[in-house]
N, C-alpha and C. Protein backbone atom coordinates (compact mmCIF):
# COMPACT_ATOMS: atom_id res chain seq x y z
N MET A 1 -42.22 -109.35 43.63
CA MET A 1 -41.89 -108.09 44.25
C MET A 1 -43.15 -107.22 44.28
N ASP A 2 -43.50 -106.70 45.45
CA ASP A 2 -44.67 -105.83 45.59
C ASP A 2 -44.23 -104.39 45.75
N PHE A 3 -45.05 -103.49 45.23
CA PHE A 3 -44.80 -102.06 45.36
C PHE A 3 -46.07 -101.39 45.85
N GLN A 4 -45.91 -100.27 46.52
CA GLN A 4 -47.03 -99.43 46.90
C GLN A 4 -46.61 -97.98 46.73
N THR A 5 -47.42 -97.21 46.07
CA THR A 5 -47.18 -95.78 45.92
C THR A 5 -47.97 -95.04 46.99
N ILE A 6 -47.31 -94.13 47.70
CA ILE A 6 -47.99 -93.32 48.71
C ILE A 6 -47.75 -91.85 48.35
N PRO A 7 -48.74 -91.20 47.77
CA PRO A 7 -48.58 -89.78 47.44
C PRO A 7 -48.45 -88.93 48.71
N ILE A 8 -47.63 -87.89 48.60
CA ILE A 8 -47.50 -86.90 49.67
C ILE A 8 -48.25 -85.66 49.21
N ILE A 9 -49.16 -85.18 50.04
CA ILE A 9 -50.00 -84.05 49.70
C ILE A 9 -49.68 -82.90 50.65
N ARG A 10 -49.44 -81.74 50.08
CA ARG A 10 -49.08 -80.55 50.87
C ARG A 10 -50.32 -79.97 51.53
N ILE A 11 -50.24 -79.77 52.82
CA ILE A 11 -51.31 -79.13 53.59
C ILE A 11 -50.73 -77.93 54.31
N PHE A 12 -51.60 -77.02 54.74
CA PHE A 12 -51.15 -75.82 55.43
C PHE A 12 -51.80 -75.64 56.80
N ASP A 13 -52.78 -76.47 57.12
CA ASP A 13 -53.52 -76.33 58.37
C ASP A 13 -54.00 -77.70 58.81
N GLU A 14 -53.48 -78.16 59.94
CA GLU A 14 -53.78 -79.51 60.43
C GLU A 14 -55.28 -79.74 60.61
N GLU A 15 -55.98 -78.82 61.25
CA GLU A 15 -57.40 -79.02 61.53
C GLU A 15 -58.23 -79.08 60.25
N ARG A 16 -57.95 -78.18 59.32
CA ARG A 16 -58.68 -78.19 58.05
C ARG A 16 -58.39 -79.46 57.26
N ALA A 17 -57.15 -79.92 57.31
CA ALA A 17 -56.78 -81.17 56.63
C ALA A 17 -57.52 -82.35 57.24
N LYS A 18 -57.56 -82.41 58.56
CA LYS A 18 -58.26 -83.52 59.22
C LYS A 18 -59.76 -83.45 58.95
N GLU A 19 -60.33 -82.25 58.94
CA GLU A 19 -61.75 -82.10 58.62
C GLU A 19 -62.05 -82.68 57.24
N PHE A 20 -61.18 -82.42 56.26
CA PHE A 20 -61.40 -82.88 54.90
C PHE A 20 -61.09 -84.38 54.75
N TYR A 21 -59.88 -84.78 55.08
CA TYR A 21 -59.46 -86.16 54.81
C TYR A 21 -60.08 -87.18 55.76
N LEU A 22 -60.18 -86.84 57.03
CA LEU A 22 -60.76 -87.78 57.99
C LEU A 22 -62.28 -87.64 58.05
N GLY A 23 -62.75 -86.41 58.14
CA GLY A 23 -64.18 -86.18 58.25
C GLY A 23 -64.94 -86.41 56.95
N PHE A 24 -64.60 -85.64 55.90
CA PHE A 24 -65.34 -85.71 54.64
C PHE A 24 -65.04 -86.99 53.86
N LEU A 25 -63.76 -87.32 53.67
CA LEU A 25 -63.44 -88.52 52.90
C LEU A 25 -63.54 -89.80 53.71
N GLY A 26 -63.62 -89.70 55.04
CA GLY A 26 -63.79 -90.88 55.88
C GLY A 26 -62.54 -91.72 56.02
N MET A 27 -61.38 -91.09 55.85
CA MET A 27 -60.13 -91.83 56.02
C MET A 27 -59.83 -91.98 57.51
N THR A 28 -58.92 -92.88 57.81
CA THR A 28 -58.50 -93.15 59.19
C THR A 28 -57.13 -92.52 59.42
N LEU A 29 -56.96 -91.89 60.57
CA LEU A 29 -55.65 -91.37 60.96
C LEU A 29 -54.82 -92.55 61.44
N ASP A 30 -53.77 -92.89 60.70
CA ASP A 30 -52.90 -94.01 61.08
C ASP A 30 -51.84 -93.56 62.08
N TRP A 31 -51.23 -92.43 61.80
CA TRP A 31 -50.24 -91.87 62.72
C TRP A 31 -49.95 -90.43 62.30
N GLU A 32 -49.33 -89.70 63.22
CA GLU A 32 -48.89 -88.34 62.93
C GLU A 32 -47.57 -88.10 63.64
N HIS A 33 -46.75 -87.20 63.07
CA HIS A 33 -45.42 -86.97 63.62
C HIS A 33 -45.07 -85.49 63.54
N ARG A 34 -44.44 -85.00 64.59
CA ARG A 34 -43.80 -83.68 64.63
C ARG A 34 -42.43 -83.87 65.24
N PHE A 35 -41.45 -83.14 64.74
CA PHE A 35 -40.12 -83.22 65.34
C PHE A 35 -40.13 -82.61 66.73
N GLU A 36 -40.88 -81.53 66.91
CA GLU A 36 -41.05 -80.88 68.21
C GLU A 36 -42.39 -80.17 68.20
N GLN A 37 -42.85 -79.79 69.38
CA GLN A 37 -44.09 -79.03 69.48
C GLN A 37 -43.97 -77.75 68.65
N ASP A 38 -45.04 -77.34 68.00
CA ASP A 38 -45.09 -76.16 67.14
C ASP A 38 -44.26 -76.30 65.86
N TYR A 39 -43.89 -77.51 65.49
CA TYR A 39 -43.24 -77.78 64.21
C TYR A 39 -44.32 -78.28 63.24
N PRO A 40 -44.03 -78.30 61.95
CA PRO A 40 -45.01 -78.83 60.99
C PRO A 40 -45.35 -80.29 61.29
N ILE A 41 -46.58 -80.65 60.92
CA ILE A 41 -47.04 -82.02 61.16
C ILE A 41 -46.92 -82.84 59.88
N TYR A 42 -46.74 -84.14 60.05
CA TYR A 42 -46.71 -85.12 58.96
C TYR A 42 -47.67 -86.23 59.37
N ILE A 43 -48.65 -86.52 58.51
CA ILE A 43 -49.75 -87.43 58.86
C ILE A 43 -49.84 -88.55 57.83
N GLN A 44 -50.14 -89.75 58.31
CA GLN A 44 -50.55 -90.81 57.39
C GLN A 44 -52.02 -91.08 57.63
N ALA A 45 -52.80 -91.04 56.53
CA ALA A 45 -54.23 -91.35 56.57
C ALA A 45 -54.50 -92.42 55.53
N SER A 46 -55.46 -93.31 55.84
CA SER A 46 -55.76 -94.39 54.91
C SER A 46 -57.25 -94.70 54.88
N LYS A 47 -57.63 -95.33 53.78
CA LYS A 47 -58.99 -95.85 53.59
C LYS A 47 -58.83 -97.07 52.71
N GLY A 48 -58.98 -98.25 53.29
CA GLY A 48 -58.71 -99.47 52.53
C GLY A 48 -57.26 -99.47 52.09
N ASN A 49 -57.03 -99.71 50.80
CA ASN A 49 -55.67 -99.73 50.26
C ASN A 49 -55.14 -98.35 49.89
N LEU A 50 -55.97 -97.33 49.99
CA LEU A 50 -55.52 -95.97 49.69
C LEU A 50 -54.80 -95.40 50.91
N VAL A 51 -53.55 -95.03 50.72
CA VAL A 51 -52.74 -94.43 51.78
C VAL A 51 -52.21 -93.10 51.27
N LEU A 52 -52.40 -92.05 52.05
CA LEU A 52 -51.89 -90.72 51.71
C LEU A 52 -51.05 -90.21 52.86
N HIS A 53 -50.00 -89.48 52.52
CA HIS A 53 -49.23 -88.74 53.51
C HIS A 53 -49.57 -87.27 53.33
N LEU A 54 -49.89 -86.61 54.42
CA LEU A 54 -50.26 -85.19 54.42
C LEU A 54 -49.15 -84.45 55.16
N SER A 55 -48.56 -83.46 54.51
CA SER A 55 -47.38 -82.83 55.07
C SER A 55 -47.49 -81.31 55.10
N GLU A 56 -47.17 -80.74 56.26
CA GLU A 56 -47.04 -79.29 56.38
C GLU A 56 -45.62 -78.83 56.05
N HIS A 57 -44.71 -79.74 55.78
CA HIS A 57 -43.32 -79.40 55.48
C HIS A 57 -43.22 -78.83 54.07
N SER A 58 -42.66 -77.63 53.94
CA SER A 58 -42.67 -76.91 52.66
C SER A 58 -41.88 -77.61 51.56
N GLY A 59 -40.87 -78.37 51.86
CA GLY A 59 -40.06 -79.00 50.83
C GLY A 59 -40.56 -80.35 50.35
N ASP A 60 -41.62 -80.87 50.94
CA ASP A 60 -42.05 -82.22 50.61
C ASP A 60 -42.77 -82.35 49.28
N CYS A 61 -43.57 -81.38 48.92
CA CYS A 61 -44.39 -81.52 47.72
C CYS A 61 -44.98 -80.15 47.36
N THR A 62 -45.72 -80.14 46.27
CA THR A 62 -46.25 -78.90 45.72
C THR A 62 -47.74 -78.79 45.99
N PRO A 63 -48.20 -77.67 46.53
CA PRO A 63 -49.66 -77.49 46.69
C PRO A 63 -50.33 -77.43 45.33
N GLY A 64 -51.58 -77.83 45.27
CA GLY A 64 -52.33 -77.80 44.02
C GLY A 64 -52.08 -79.02 43.14
N SER A 65 -51.63 -80.11 43.73
CA SER A 65 -51.38 -81.34 42.98
C SER A 65 -52.67 -82.14 42.79
N LYS A 66 -52.57 -83.20 42.00
CA LYS A 66 -53.73 -84.06 41.73
C LYS A 66 -53.32 -85.52 41.89
N VAL A 67 -54.17 -86.28 42.58
CA VAL A 67 -53.95 -87.71 42.78
C VAL A 67 -55.08 -88.45 42.08
N PHE A 68 -54.74 -89.45 41.27
CA PHE A 68 -55.70 -90.26 40.52
C PHE A 68 -55.85 -91.59 41.24
N VAL A 69 -57.06 -91.91 41.69
CA VAL A 69 -57.30 -93.11 42.50
C VAL A 69 -58.33 -93.99 41.80
N ASN A 70 -57.93 -95.20 41.40
CA ASN A 70 -58.88 -96.15 40.82
C ASN A 70 -59.68 -96.82 41.93
N VAL A 71 -60.98 -96.95 41.73
CA VAL A 71 -61.87 -97.60 42.69
C VAL A 71 -62.72 -98.63 41.96
N SER A 72 -63.24 -99.60 42.71
CA SER A 72 -64.05 -100.65 42.10
C SER A 72 -65.55 -100.36 42.16
N ASP A 73 -66.00 -99.51 43.07
CA ASP A 73 -67.42 -99.19 43.17
C ASP A 73 -67.59 -97.69 43.40
N LEU A 74 -67.53 -96.96 42.30
CA LEU A 74 -67.59 -95.51 42.36
C LEU A 74 -68.88 -95.01 42.98
N ASP A 75 -70.00 -95.63 42.62
CA ASP A 75 -71.30 -95.18 43.14
C ASP A 75 -71.38 -95.28 44.66
N ALA A 76 -70.90 -96.39 45.21
CA ALA A 76 -70.94 -96.57 46.67
C ALA A 76 -70.03 -95.56 47.35
N LEU A 77 -68.83 -95.34 46.81
CA LEU A 77 -67.92 -94.36 47.40
C LEU A 77 -68.50 -92.96 47.32
N PHE A 78 -69.07 -92.62 46.18
CA PHE A 78 -69.68 -91.30 46.00
C PHE A 78 -70.81 -91.09 47.01
N GLN A 79 -71.65 -92.08 47.16
CA GLN A 79 -72.76 -92.00 48.12
C GLN A 79 -72.25 -91.82 49.54
N GLU A 80 -71.22 -92.59 49.89
CA GLU A 80 -70.65 -92.49 51.24
C GLU A 80 -70.08 -91.10 51.50
N ILE A 81 -69.26 -90.62 50.58
CA ILE A 81 -68.60 -89.33 50.78
C ILE A 81 -69.60 -88.18 50.78
N THR A 82 -70.51 -88.17 49.83
CA THR A 82 -71.45 -87.04 49.73
C THR A 82 -72.55 -87.08 50.79
N SER A 83 -72.66 -88.17 51.53
CA SER A 83 -73.64 -88.22 52.62
C SER A 83 -73.15 -87.45 53.85
N ARG A 84 -71.86 -87.11 53.88
CA ARG A 84 -71.30 -86.37 55.01
C ARG A 84 -71.41 -84.88 54.75
N PRO A 85 -71.78 -84.13 55.77
CA PRO A 85 -71.88 -82.67 55.58
C PRO A 85 -70.49 -82.04 55.45
N TYR A 86 -70.25 -81.40 54.33
CA TYR A 86 -69.01 -80.66 54.10
C TYR A 86 -69.32 -79.57 53.09
N LYS A 87 -69.40 -78.34 53.54
CA LYS A 87 -69.91 -77.27 52.69
C LYS A 87 -68.94 -76.79 51.61
N TYR A 88 -67.69 -77.20 51.66
CA TYR A 88 -66.71 -76.69 50.72
C TYR A 88 -66.52 -77.55 49.48
N SER A 89 -67.17 -78.69 49.39
CA SER A 89 -67.00 -79.55 48.22
C SER A 89 -68.31 -80.26 47.92
N LYS A 90 -68.79 -80.07 46.71
CA LYS A 90 -70.02 -80.72 46.25
C LYS A 90 -69.72 -81.43 44.93
N PRO A 91 -69.05 -82.58 45.00
CA PRO A 91 -68.65 -83.27 43.76
C PRO A 91 -69.84 -83.87 43.02
N SER A 92 -69.62 -84.18 41.75
CA SER A 92 -70.62 -84.88 40.95
C SER A 92 -69.89 -85.90 40.08
N ILE A 93 -70.59 -86.99 39.78
CA ILE A 93 -70.02 -88.03 38.93
C ILE A 93 -70.07 -87.56 37.48
N GLU A 94 -68.97 -87.80 36.78
CA GLU A 94 -68.86 -87.39 35.38
C GLU A 94 -68.42 -88.56 34.53
N GLN A 95 -68.79 -88.51 33.25
CA GLN A 95 -68.27 -89.45 32.26
C GLN A 95 -66.88 -88.95 31.90
N ALA A 96 -65.88 -89.78 32.06
CA ALA A 96 -64.50 -89.38 31.76
C ALA A 96 -64.20 -89.55 30.28
N PRO A 97 -63.38 -88.69 29.71
CA PRO A 97 -63.05 -88.82 28.29
C PRO A 97 -62.33 -90.12 27.95
N TRP A 98 -61.73 -90.77 28.94
CA TRP A 98 -61.02 -92.04 28.71
C TRP A 98 -61.95 -93.25 28.83
N GLY A 99 -63.26 -92.99 29.01
CA GLY A 99 -64.23 -94.08 29.01
C GLY A 99 -64.71 -94.50 30.38
N GLY A 100 -64.08 -94.07 31.42
CA GLY A 100 -64.50 -94.41 32.78
C GLY A 100 -65.50 -93.39 33.32
N ARG A 101 -65.79 -93.52 34.58
CA ARG A 101 -66.62 -92.55 35.30
C ARG A 101 -65.79 -92.09 36.49
N CYS A 102 -65.96 -90.83 36.88
CA CYS A 102 -65.12 -90.30 37.95
C CYS A 102 -65.81 -89.16 38.68
N PHE A 103 -65.26 -88.82 39.83
CA PHE A 103 -65.60 -87.57 40.50
C PHE A 103 -64.35 -87.06 41.19
N THR A 104 -64.28 -85.75 41.32
CA THR A 104 -63.11 -85.10 41.90
C THR A 104 -63.51 -84.31 43.13
N VAL A 105 -62.71 -84.42 44.16
CA VAL A 105 -62.86 -83.58 45.35
C VAL A 105 -61.62 -82.71 45.45
N ILE A 106 -61.80 -81.50 45.95
CA ILE A 106 -60.69 -80.56 46.08
C ILE A 106 -60.55 -80.21 47.56
N ASP A 107 -59.36 -80.42 48.08
CA ASP A 107 -59.14 -80.16 49.50
C ASP A 107 -58.97 -78.66 49.76
N PRO A 108 -58.90 -78.24 51.01
CA PRO A 108 -58.79 -76.81 51.32
C PRO A 108 -57.50 -76.15 50.84
N PHE A 109 -56.57 -76.93 50.29
CA PHE A 109 -55.27 -76.42 49.86
C PHE A 109 -55.10 -76.52 48.35
N SER A 110 -56.22 -76.70 47.64
CA SER A 110 -56.29 -76.79 46.17
C SER A 110 -55.71 -78.08 45.60
N ASN A 111 -55.51 -79.10 46.42
CA ASN A 111 -55.13 -80.41 45.92
C ASN A 111 -56.39 -81.14 45.48
N LYS A 112 -56.28 -81.89 44.39
CA LYS A 112 -57.43 -82.62 43.86
C LYS A 112 -57.21 -84.13 44.03
N VAL A 113 -58.29 -84.82 44.42
CA VAL A 113 -58.29 -86.28 44.45
C VAL A 113 -59.37 -86.72 43.49
N LEU A 114 -58.96 -87.38 42.40
CA LEU A 114 -59.90 -87.86 41.39
C LEU A 114 -60.11 -89.35 41.63
N PHE A 115 -61.35 -89.72 41.91
CA PHE A 115 -61.72 -91.12 42.08
C PHE A 115 -62.27 -91.61 40.75
N ASN A 116 -61.73 -92.70 40.23
CA ASN A 116 -62.05 -93.19 38.89
C ASN A 116 -62.48 -94.65 38.93
N GLU A 117 -63.49 -94.96 38.14
CA GLU A 117 -63.91 -96.34 37.93
C GLU A 117 -63.78 -96.63 36.44
N GLN A 118 -62.94 -97.59 36.10
CA GLN A 118 -62.73 -97.94 34.70
C GLN A 118 -63.97 -98.57 34.09
N LYS A 119 -64.18 -98.32 32.84
CA LYS A 119 -65.28 -98.93 32.10
C LYS A 119 -64.99 -100.42 31.93
N ASN A 120 -65.99 -101.25 32.19
CA ASN A 120 -65.82 -102.70 31.99
C ASN A 120 -65.70 -102.98 30.50
N THR A 121 -64.70 -103.78 30.14
CA THR A 121 -64.50 -104.09 28.73
C THR A 121 -64.86 -105.50 28.43
C-alpha cells in the first residue's frame, strides 16, 4: 500500500504565490481550479516528488503553517533556489539540533517550508 501526503498551504494572493512557489522555489504549476471567475483559486504545484496544494479558500488550512521536507542533496537545492532573484527571502543553511542540516524559506503569507537533509549515520 502506497501513501502520499500533500500539504495544503493557505495563500491570499495568486500572483504573489506563483512568484514564490513557481518563480523562487522553481516548482511546476500542475493545475489550478476556480469554481467560477473571481472565486478563490486552488493550485497544485510540484517539484519532483514534492507536491503542494495552495489554496485561497479560507476553510482549507491555517496561514502561518510549516511544512518539513526531507531532501537528498540540500546543497544543490539551496544553490538552485538562492540563484533566483527574490528579494523577500534570503535563506541560509543551518545545523539542525536533530543532527541534520536545513534551510527555511518563508512565503509571502508567513508559511514556512523547511528543507532538511538528514545526517548520514
